[in-house]
Amino acid sequence: MIRLNCPVCGLRDETEFTYLGDATARRPKMDETDPKPWVDFVFFRDNPRGSHKEYWHHVLGCRQWLIVERDTVSHDISSSSLAKDVSA
């Protein structure tokens, strides 16, 4: 089991969270009319090996969105912070 350190609630089991995806993916601008950037954003993602930033939602706790840096091979967590505190 993965244990995530929520900056608000402290160390918690992953079962309190929902994984929300890649925190490095950049959404196309809302006025983008070409479907290709949207198709690429929604359907084509890298599957990185090693350190990767991810969105997690603390559903059963403070309900904050977090950005967690996790190693996708070992599942070691190197950092977690509130998404609202991280500049884009």
PDB file of N, CA and C in Angstrom:
ATOM      1  N   MET A   1       0.836  -1.173   0.000  1.00  0.00           N
ATOM      2  CA  MET A   1       0.000   0.000   0.000  1.00  0.00           C
ATOM      3  C   MET A   1       0.885   1.241   0.000  1.00  0.00           C
ATOM      4  N   ILE A   2       0.444   2.229  -0.755  1.00  0.00           N
ATOM      5  CA  ILE A   2       1.131   3.514  -0.787  1.00  0.00           C
ATOM      6  C   ILE A   2       0.593   4.380   0.357  1.00  0.00           C
ATOM      7  N   ARG A   3       1.505   5.095   1.014  1.00  0.00           N
ATOM      8  CA  ARG A   3       1.113   6.055   2.057  1.00  0.00           C
ATOM      9  C   ARG A   3       1.479   7.441   1.532  1.00  0.00           C
ATOM     10  N   LEU A   4       0.501   8.330   1.482  1.00  0.00           N
ATOM     11  CA  LEU A   4       0.717   9.683   0.983  1.00  0.00           C
ATOM     12  C   LEU A   4       0.703  10.663   2.141  1.00  0.00           C
ATOM     13  N   ASN A   5       1.628  11.604   2.108  1.00  0.00           N
ATOM     14  CA  ASN A   5       1.682  12.623   3.142  1.00  0.00           C
ATOM     15  C   ASN A   5       0.882  13.839   2.682  1.00  0.00           C
ATOM     16  N   CYS A   6      -0.312  13.972   3.196  1.00  0.00           N
ATOM     17  CA  CYS A   6      -1.153  15.122   2.891  1.00  0.00           C
ATOM     18  C   CYS A   6      -0.639  16.305   3.706  1.00  0.00           C
ATOM     19  N   PRO A   7      -0.366  17.444   3.058  1.00  0.00           N
ATOM     20  CA  PRO A   7       0.120  18.607   3.806  1.00  0.00           C
ATOM     21  C   PRO A   7      -0.871  19.112   4.863  1.00  0.00           C
ATOM     22  N   VAL A   8      -2.155  18.775   4.720  1.00  0.00           N
ATOM     23  CA  VAL A   8      -3.166  19.222   5.681  1.00  0.00           C
ATOM     24  C   VAL A   8      -3.397  18.170   6.757  1.00  0.00           C
ATOM     25  N   CYS A   9      -3.548  16.897   6.359  1.00  0.00           N
ATOM     26  CA  CYS A   9      -3.971  15.839   7.284  1.00  0.00           C
ATOM     27  C   CYS A   9      -2.846  14.932   7.777  1.00  0.00           C
ATOM     28  N   GLY A  10      -1.681  14.998   7.166  1.00  0.00           N
ATOM     29  CA  GLY A  10      -0.585  14.120   7.552  1.00  0.00           C
ATOM     30  C   GLY A  10      -0.561  12.838   6.737  1.00  0.00           C
ATOM     31  N   LEU A  11       0.178  11.856   7.211  1.00  0.00           N
ATOM     32  CA  LEU A  11       0.379  10.593   6.506  1.00  0.00           C
ATOM     33  C   LEU A  11      -0.904   9.768   6.490  1.00  0.00           C
ATOM     34  N   ARG A  12      -1.348   9.368   5.290  1.00  0.00           N
ATOM     35  CA  ARG A  12      -2.598   8.627   5.130  1.00  0.00           C
ATOM     36  C   ARG A  12      -2.426   7.520   4.100  1.00  0.00           C
ATOM     37  N   ASP A  13      -3.286   6.488   4.207  1.00  0.00           N
ATOM     38  CA  ASP A  13      -3.295   5.396   3.233  1.00  0.00           C
ATOM     39  C   ASP A  13      -3.834   5.879   1.896  1.00  0.00           C
ATOM     40  N   GLU A  14      -3.367   5.283   0.807  1.00  0.00           N
ATOM     41  CA  GLU A  14      -3.818   5.671  -0.530  1.00  0.00           C
ATOM     42  C   GLU A  14      -5.314   5.468  -0.731  1.00  0.00           C
ATOM     43  N   THR A  15      -5.941   4.621   0.082  1.00  0.00           N
ATOM     44  CA  THR A  15      -7.376   4.363  -0.063  1.00  0.00           C
ATOM     45  C   THR A  15      -8.222   5.594   0.243  1.00  0.00           C
ATOM     46  N   GLU A  16      -7.632   6.615   0.888  1.00  0.00           N
ATOM     47  CA  GLU A  16      -8.343   7.863   1.149  1.00  0.00           C
ATOM     48  C   GLU A  16      -8.295   8.811  -0.045  1.00  0.00           C
ATOM     49  N   PHE A  17      -7.514   8.463  -1.062  1.00  0.00           N
ATOM     50  CA  PHE A  17      -7.264   9.353  -2.193  1.00  0.00           C
ATOM     51  C   PHE A  17      -7.779   8.747  -3.496  1.00  0.00           C
ATOM     52  N   THR A  18      -7.974   9.614  -4.464  1.00  0.00           N
ATOM     53  CA  THR A  18      -8.267   9.196  -5.830  1.00  0.00           C
ATOM     54  C   THR A  18      -7.167   9.747  -6.726  1.00  0.00           C
ATOM     55  N   TYR A  19      -6.614   8.876  -7.560  1.00  0.00           N
ATOM     56  CA  TYR A  19      -5.577   9.281  -8.514  1.00  0.00           C
ATOM     57  C   TYR A  19      -6.253  10.045  -9.643  1.00  0.00           C
ATOM     58  N   LEU A  20      -5.701  11.213  -9.977  1.00  0.00           N
ATOM     59  CA  LEU A  20      -6.331  12.052 -11.004  1.00  0.00           C
ATOM     60  C   LEU A  20      -5.503  12.209 -12.266  1.00  0.00           C
ATOM     61  N   GLY A  21      -4.306  11.642 -12.314  1.00  0.00           N
ATOM     62  CA  GLY A  21      -3.549  11.675 -13.560  1.00  0.00           C
ATOM     63  C   GLY A  21      -2.280  12.500 -13.513  1.00  0.00           C
ATOM     64  N   ASP A  22      -1.737  12.660 -14.695  1.00  0.00           N
ATOM     65  CA  ASP A  22      -0.463  13.312 -14.939  1.00  0.00           C
ATOM     66  C   ASP A  22      -0.540  14.812 -14.614  1.00  0.00           C
ATOM     67  N   ALA A  23       0.300  15.263 -13.708  1.00  0.00           N
ATOM     68  CA  ALA A  23       0.315  16.679 -13.332  1.00  0.00           C
ATOM     69  C   ALA A  23       1.202  17.506 -14.253  1.00  0.00           C
ATOM     70  N   THR A  24       1.845  16.868 -15.233  1.00  0.00           N
ATOM     71  CA  THR A  24       2.703  17.614 -16.153  1.00  0.00           C
ATOM     72  C   THR A  24       2.030  17.851 -17.498  1.00  0.00           C
ATOM     73  N   ALA A  25       0.905  17.186 -17.761  1.00  0.00           N
ATOM     74  CA  ALA A  25       0.195  17.360 -19.035  1.00  0.00           C
ATOM     75  C   ALA A  25      -0.381  18.766 -19.101  1.00  0.00           C
ATOM     76  N   ARG A  26      -0.229  19.420 -20.231  1.00  0.00           N
ATOM     77  CA  ARG A  26      -0.739  20.769 -20.412  1.00  0.00           C
ATOM     78  C   ARG A  26      -1.969  20.747 -21.315  1.00  0.00           C
ATOM     79  N   ARG A  27      -3.065  21.235 -20.769  1.00  0.00           N
ATOM     80  CA  ARG A  27      -4.338  21.276 -21.475  1.00  0.00           C
ATOM     81  C   ARG A  27      -4.271  22.308 -22.610  1.00  0.00           C
ATOM     82  N   PRO A  28      -4.843  21.979 -23.767  1.00  0.00           N
ATOM     83  CA  PRO A  28      -4.914  22.987 -24.844  1.00  0.00           C
ATOM     84  C   PRO A  28      -5.776  24.165 -24.401  1.00  0.00           C
ATOM     85  N   LYS A  29      -5.577  25.304 -25.041  1.00  0.00           N
ATOM     86  CA  LYS A  29      -6.397  26.486 -24.725  1.00  0.00           C
ATOM     87  C   LYS A  29      -7.859  26.186 -25.049  1.00  0.00           C
ATOM     88  N   MET A  30      -8.756  26.754 -24.270  1.00  0.00           N
ATOM     89  CA  MET A  30     -10.184  26.468 -24.420  1.00  0.00           C
ATOM     90  C   MET A  30     -10.729  26.888 -25.782  1.00  0.00           C
ATOM     91  N   ASP A  31     -10.101  27.843 -26.437  1.00  0.00           N
ATOM     92  CA  ASP A  31     -10.594  28.261 -27.751  1.00  0.00           C
ATOM     93  C   ASP A  31      -9.944  27.491 -28.901  1.00  0.00           C
ATOM     94  N   GLU A  32      -9.187  26.433 -28.575  1.00  0.00           N
ATOM     95  CA  GLU A  32      -8.560  25.600 -29.610  1.00  0.00           C
ATOM     96  C   GLU A  32      -9.644  24.866 -30.382  1.00  0.00           C
ATOM     97  N   THR A  33      -9.684  25.047 -31.707  1.00  0.00           N
ATOM     98  CA  THR A  33     -10.714  24.399 -32.531  1.00  0.00           C
ATOM     99  C   THR A  33     -10.187  23.195 -33.295  1.00  0.00           C
ATOM    100  N   ASP A  34      -8.869  23.065 -33.406  1.00  0.00           N
ATOM    101  CA  ASP A  34      -8.286  21.900 -34.063  1.00  0.00           C
ATOM    102  C   ASP A  34      -8.417  20.699 -33.124  1.00  0.00           C
ATOM    103  N   PRO A  35      -9.038  19.596 -33.559  1.00  0.00           N
ATOM    104  CA  PRO A  35      -9.241  18.456 -32.663  1.00  0.00           C
ATOM    105  C   PRO A  35      -7.951  17.719 -32.274  1.00  0.00           C
ATOM    106  N   LYS A  36      -6.887  17.813 -33.074  1.00  0.00           N
ATOM    107  CA  LYS A  36      -5.672  17.043 -32.790  1.00  0.00           C
ATOM    108  C   LYS A  36      -5.072  17.332 -31.411  1.00  0.00           C
ATOM    109  N   PRO A  37      -4.892  18.612 -31.004  1.00  0.00           N
ATOM    110  CA  PRO A  37      -4.347  18.841 -29.656  1.00  0.00           C
ATOM    111  C   PRO A  37      -5.233  18.262 -28.551  1.00  0.00           C
ATOM    112  N   TRP A  38      -6.542  18.290 -28.742  1.00  0.00           N
ATOM    113  CA  TRP A  38      -7.456  17.730 -27.742  1.00  0.00           C
ATOM    114  C   TRP A  38      -7.366  16.207 -27.705  1.00  0.00           C
ATOM    115  N   VAL A  39      -7.302  15.577 -28.873  1.00  0.00           N
ATOM    116  CA  VAL A  39      -7.163  14.114 -28.931  1.00  0.00           C
ATOM    117  C   VAL A  39      -5.851  13.696 -28.272  1.00  0.00           C
ATOM    118  N   ASP A  40      -4.774  14.416 -28.582  1.00  0.00           N
ATOM    119  CA  ASP A  40      -3.480  14.101 -27.970  1.00  0.00           C
ATOM    120  C   ASP A  40      -3.537  14.271 -26.450  1.00  0.00           C
ATOM    121  N   PHE A  41      -4.169  15.335 -25.968  1.00  0.00           N
ATOM    122  CA  PHE A  41      -4.262  15.597 -24.534  1.00  0.00           C
ATOM    123  C   PHE A  41      -5.067  14.517 -23.808  1.00  0.00           C
ATOM    124  N   VAL A  42      -6.183  14.111 -24.400  1.00  0.00           N
ATOM    125  CA  VAL A  42      -7.082  13.162 -23.737  1.00  0.00           C
ATOM    126  C   VAL A  42      -6.599  11.717 -23.859  1.00  0.00           C
ATOM    127  N   PHE A  43      -6.104  11.315 -25.038  1.00  0.00           N
ATOM    128  CA  PHE A  43      -5.864   9.892 -25.290  1.00  0.00           C
ATOM    129  C   PHE A  43      -4.410   9.456 -25.349  1.00  0.00           C
ATOM    130  N   PHE A  44      -3.478  10.351 -25.637  1.00  0.00           N
ATOM    131  CA  PHE A  44      -2.096   9.939 -25.830  1.00  0.00           C
ATOM    132  C   PHE A  44      -1.220  10.521 -24.736  1.00  0.00           C
ATOM    133  N   ARG A  45      -0.808   9.658 -23.823  1.00  0.00           N
ATOM    134  CA  ARG A  45       0.026  10.074 -22.694  1.00  0.00           C
ATOM    135  C   ARG A  45       1.258   9.183 -22.614  1.00  0.00           C
ATOM    136  N   ASP A  46       2.322   9.771 -22.097  1.00  0.00           N
ATOM    137  CA  ASP A  46       3.527   8.983 -21.827  1.00  0.00           C
ATOM    138  C   ASP A  46       3.278   8.105 -20.611  1.00  0.00           C
ATOM    139  N   ASN A  47       3.988   7.013 -20.541  1.00  0.00           N
ATOM    140  CA  ASN A  47       3.950   6.135 -19.380  1.00  0.00           C
ATOM    141  C   ASN A  47       5.370   6.131 -18.801  1.00  0.00           C
ATOM    142  N   PRO A  48       5.706   7.158 -18.007  1.00  0.00           N
ATOM    143  CA  PRO A  48       7.094   7.343 -17.588  1.00  0.00           C
ATOM    144  C   PRO A  48       7.580   6.267 -16.615  1.00  0.00           C
ATOM    145  N   ARG A  49       8.858   6.033 -16.680  1.00  0.00           N
ATOM    146  CA  ARG A  49       9.517   5.129 -15.738  1.00  0.00           C
ATOM    147  C   ARG A  49      10.405   6.009 -14.874  1.00  0.00           C
ATOM    148  N   GLY A  50      10.166   5.973 -13.562  1.00  0.00           N
ATOM    149  CA  GLY A  50      10.948   6.802 -12.654  1.00  0.00           C
ATOM    150  C   GLY A  50      10.103   7.893 -12.024  1.00  0.00           C
ATOM    151  N   SER A  51      10.739   8.984 -11.675  1.00  0.00           N
ATOM    152  CA  SER A  51      10.073  10.069 -10.967  1.00  0.00           C
ATOM    153  C   SER A  51       9.038  10.750 -11.860  1.00  0.00           C
ATOM    154  N   HIS A  52       7.853  10.981 -11.291  1.00  0.00           N
ATOM    155  CA  HIS A  52       6.752  11.553 -12.074  1.00  0.00           C
ATOM    156  C   HIS A  52       5.809  12.312 -11.154  1.00  0.00           C
ATOM    157  N   LYS A  53       5.307  13.471 -11.619  1.00  0.00           N
ATOM    158  CA  LYS A  53       4.355  14.261 -10.838  1.00  0.00           C
ATOM    159  C   LYS A  53       2.929  13.873 -11.215  1.00  0.00           C
ATOM    160  N   GLU A  54       2.107  13.662 -10.186  1.00  0.00           N
ATOM    161  CA  GLU A  54       0.733  13.190 -10.382  1.00  0.00           C
ATOM    162  C   GLU A  54      -0.235  14.014  -9.532  1.00  0.00           C
ATOM    163  N   TYR A  55      -1.467  14.139 -10.016  1.00  0.00           N
ATOM    164  CA  TYR A  55      -2.531  14.730  -9.212  1.00  0.00           C
ATOM    165  C   TYR A  55      -3.210  13.638  -8.392  1.00  0.00           C
ATOM    166  N   TRP A  56      -3.439  13.916  -7.124  1.00  0.00           N
ATOM    167  CA  TRP A  56      -4.206  13.041  -6.239  1.00  0.00           C
ATOM    168  C   TRP A  56      -5.223  13.916  -5.510  1.00  0.00           C
ATOM    169  N   HIS A  57      -6.402  13.392  -5.294  1.00  0.00           N
ATOM    170  CA  HIS A  57      -7.467  14.122  -4.600  1.00  0.00           C
ATOM    171  C   HIS A  57      -7.735  13.425  -3.271  1.00  0.00           C
ATOM    172  N   HIS A  58      -7.662  14.158  -2.157  1.00  0.00           N
ATOM    173  CA  HIS A  58      -7.878  13.575  -0.834  1.00  0.00           C
ATOM    174  C   HIS A  58      -9.386  13.519  -0.562  1.00  0.00           C
ATOM    175  N   VAL A  59     -10.035  12.553  -1.156  1.00  0.00           N
ATOM    176  CA  VAL A  59     -11.488  12.422  -1.149  1.00  0.00           C
ATOM    177  C   VAL A  59     -12.035  12.166   0.255  1.00  0.00           C
ATOM    178  N   LEU A  60     -11.389  11.316   1.021  1.00  0.00           N
ATOM    179  CA  LEU A  60     -11.904  10.953   2.347  1.00  0.00           C
ATOM    180  C   LEU A  60     -11.246  11.741   3.469  1.00  0.00           C
ATOM    181  N   GLY A  61     -10.653  12.859   3.124  1.00  0.00           N
ATOM    182  CA  GLY A  61     -10.014  13.709   4.130  1.00  0.00           C
ATOM    183  C   GLY A  61     -10.395  15.152   3.898  1.00  0.00           C
ATOM    184  N   CYS A  62      -9.396  15.981   3.691  1.00  0.00           N
ATOM    185  CA  CYS A  62      -9.595  17.430   3.574  1.00  0.00           C
ATOM    186  C   CYS A  62     -10.131  17.858   2.216  1.00  0.00           C
ATOM    187  N   ARG A  63     -10.215  16.934   1.259  1.00  0.00           N
ATOM    188  CA  ARG A  63     -10.742  17.163  -0.091  1.00  0.00           C
ATOM    189  C   ARG A  63      -9.867  18.092  -0.932  1.00  0.00           C
ATOM    190  N   GLN A  64      -8.616  18.240  -0.532  1.00  0.00           N
ATOM    191  CA  GLN A  64      -7.670  19.063  -1.296  1.00  0.00           C
ATOM    192  C   GLN A  64      -7.072  18.259  -2.439  1.00  0.00           C
ATOM    193  N   TRP A  65      -6.676  18.955  -3.497  1.00  0.00           N
ATOM    194  CA  TRP A  65      -5.933  18.344  -4.593  1.00  0.00           C
ATOM    195  C   TRP A  65      -4.454  18.480  -4.270  1.00  0.00           C
ATOM    196  N   LEU A  66      -3.723  17.398  -4.478  1.00  0.00           N
ATOM    197  CA  LEU A  66      -2.285  17.380  -4.212  1.00  0.00           C
ATOM    198  C   LEU A  66      -1.515  17.123  -5.494  1.00  0.00           C
ATOM    199  N   ILE A  67      -0.293  17.589  -5.521  1.00  0.00           N
ATOM    200  CA  ILE A  67       0.661  17.156  -6.538  1.00  0.00           C
ATOM    201  C   ILE A  67       1.695  16.319  -5.803  1.00  0.00           C
ATOM    202  N   VAL A  68       1.767  15.061  -6.194  1.00  0.00           N
ATOM    203  CA  VAL A  68       2.652  14.092  -5.545  1.00  0.00           C
ATOM    204  C   VAL A  68       3.730  13.687  -6.547  1.00  0.00           C
ATOM    205  N   GLU A  69       4.980  13.728  -6.117  1.00  0.00           N
ATOM    206  CA  GLU A  69       6.063  13.226  -6.951  1.00  0.00           C
ATOM    207  C   GLU A  69       6.369  11.811  -6.485  1.00  0.00           C
ATOM    208  N   ARG A  70       6.100  10.850  -7.397  1.00  0.00           N
ATOM    209  CA  ARG A  70       6.199   9.428  -7.059  1.00  0.00           C
ATOM    210  C   ARG A  70       7.069   8.721  -8.083  1.00  0.00           C
ATOM    211  N   ASP A  71       7.885   7.788  -7.620  1.00  0.00           N
ATOM    212  CA  ASP A  71       8.669   6.947  -8.510  1.00  0.00           C
ATOM    213  C   ASP A  71       7.750   5.828  -8.996  1.00  0.00           C
ATOM    214  N   THR A  72       7.538   5.746 -10.290  1.00  0.00           N
ATOM    215  CA  THR A  72       6.595   4.767 -10.839  1.00  0.00           C
ATOM    216  C   THR A  72       7.119   3.332 -10.793  1.00  0.00           C
ATOM    217  N   VAL A  73       8.394   3.160 -10.499  1.00  0.00           N
ATOM    218  CA  VAL A  73       8.962   1.815 -10.392  1.00  0.00           C
ATOM    219  C   VAL A  73       8.870   1.312  -8.950  1.00  0.00           C
ATOM    220  N   SER A  74       9.351   2.118  -8.003  1.00  0.00           N
ATOM    221  CA  SER A  74       9.402   1.691  -6.596  1.00  0.00           C
ATOM    222  C   SER A  74       8.206   2.182  -5.773  1.00  0.00           C
ATOM    223  N   HIS A  75       7.434   3.126  -6.312  1.00  0.00           N
ATOM    224  CA  HIS A  75       6.302   3.770  -5.629  1.00  0.00           C
ATOM    225  C   HIS A  75       6.750   4.639  -4.454  1.00  0.00           C
ATOM    226  N   ASP A  76       8.043   4.938  -4.347  1.00  0.00           N
ATOM    227  CA  ASP A  76       8.526   5.852  -3.305  1.00  0.00           C
ATOM    228  C   ASP A  76       8.010   7.256  -3.592  1.00  0.00           C
ATOM    229  N   ILE A  77       7.546   7.919  -2.555  1.00  0.00           N
ATOM    230  CA  ILE A  77       7.049   9.289  -2.655  1.00  0.00           C
ATOM    231  C   ILE A  77       8.161  10.227  -2.226  1.00  0.00           C
ATOM    232  N   SER A  78       8.551  11.158  -3.111  1.00  0.00           N
ATOM    233  CA  SER A  78       9.617  12.092  -2.751  1.00  0.00           C
ATOM    234  C   SER A  78       9.073  13.444  -2.293  1.00  0.00           C
ATOM    235  N   SER A  79       7.840  13.796  -2.702  1.00  0.00           N
ATOM    236  CA  SER A  79       7.256  15.046  -2.227  1.00  0.00           C
ATOM    237  C   SER A  79       5.755  15.048  -2.455  1.00  0.00           C
ATOM    238  N   SER A  80       5.068  15.855  -1.682  1.00  0.00           N
ATOM    239  CA  SER A  80       3.647  16.104  -1.919  1.00  0.00           C
ATOM    240  C   SER A  80       3.347  17.523  -1.456  1.00  0.00           C
ATOM    241  N   SER A  81       2.539  18.213  -2.239  1.00  0.00           N
ATOM    242  CA  SER A  81       2.192  19.593  -1.915  1.00  0.00           C
ATOM    243  C   SER A  81       0.776  19.883  -2.410  1.00  0.00           C
ATOM    244  N   LEU A  82       0.178  20.896  -1.851  1.00  0.00           N
ATOM    245  CA  LEU A  82      -1.145  21.290  -2.292  1.00  0.00           C
ATOM    246  C   LEU A  82      -1.047  21.843  -3.714  1.00  0.00           C
ATOM    247  N   ALA A  83      -1.916  21.386  -4.588  1.00  0.00           N
ATOM    248  CA  ALA A  83      -1.872  21.821  -5.981  1.00  0.00           C
ATOM    249  C   ALA A  83      -2.080  23.328  -6.091  1.00  0.00           C
ATOM    250  N   LYS A  84      -2.886  23.900  -5.214  1.00  0.00           N
ATOM    251  CA  LYS A  84      -3.139  25.338  -5.282  1.00  0.00           C
ATOM    252  C   LYS A  84      -1.912  26.172  -4.936  1.00  0.00           C
ATOM    253  N   ASP A  85      -0.914  25.565  -4.286  1.00  0.00           N
ATOM    254  CA  ASP A  85       0.310  26.271  -3.902  1.00  0.00           C
ATOM    255  C   ASP A  85       1.435  26.130  -4.933  1.00  0.00           C
ATOM    256  N   VAL A  86       1.229  25.307  -5.966  1.00  0.00           N
ATOM    257  CA  VAL A  86       2.253  25.052  -6.968  1.00  0.00           C
ATOM    258  C   VAL A  86       1.956  25.909  -8.188  1.00  0.00           C
ATOM    259  N   SER A  87       2.932  26.712  -8.611  1.00  0.00           N
ATOM    260  CA  SER A  87       2.722  27.552  -9.802  1.00  0.00           C
ATOM    261  C   SER A  87       2.826  26.703 -11.055  1.00  0.00           C
ATOM    262  N   ALA A  88       2.015  27.041 -12.031  1.00  0.00           N
ATOM    263  CA  ALA A  88       1.952  26.268 -13.285  1.00  0.00           C
ATOM    264  C   ALA A  88       3.147  26.524 -14.153  1.00  0.00           C
TER     265      ALA A  88
END
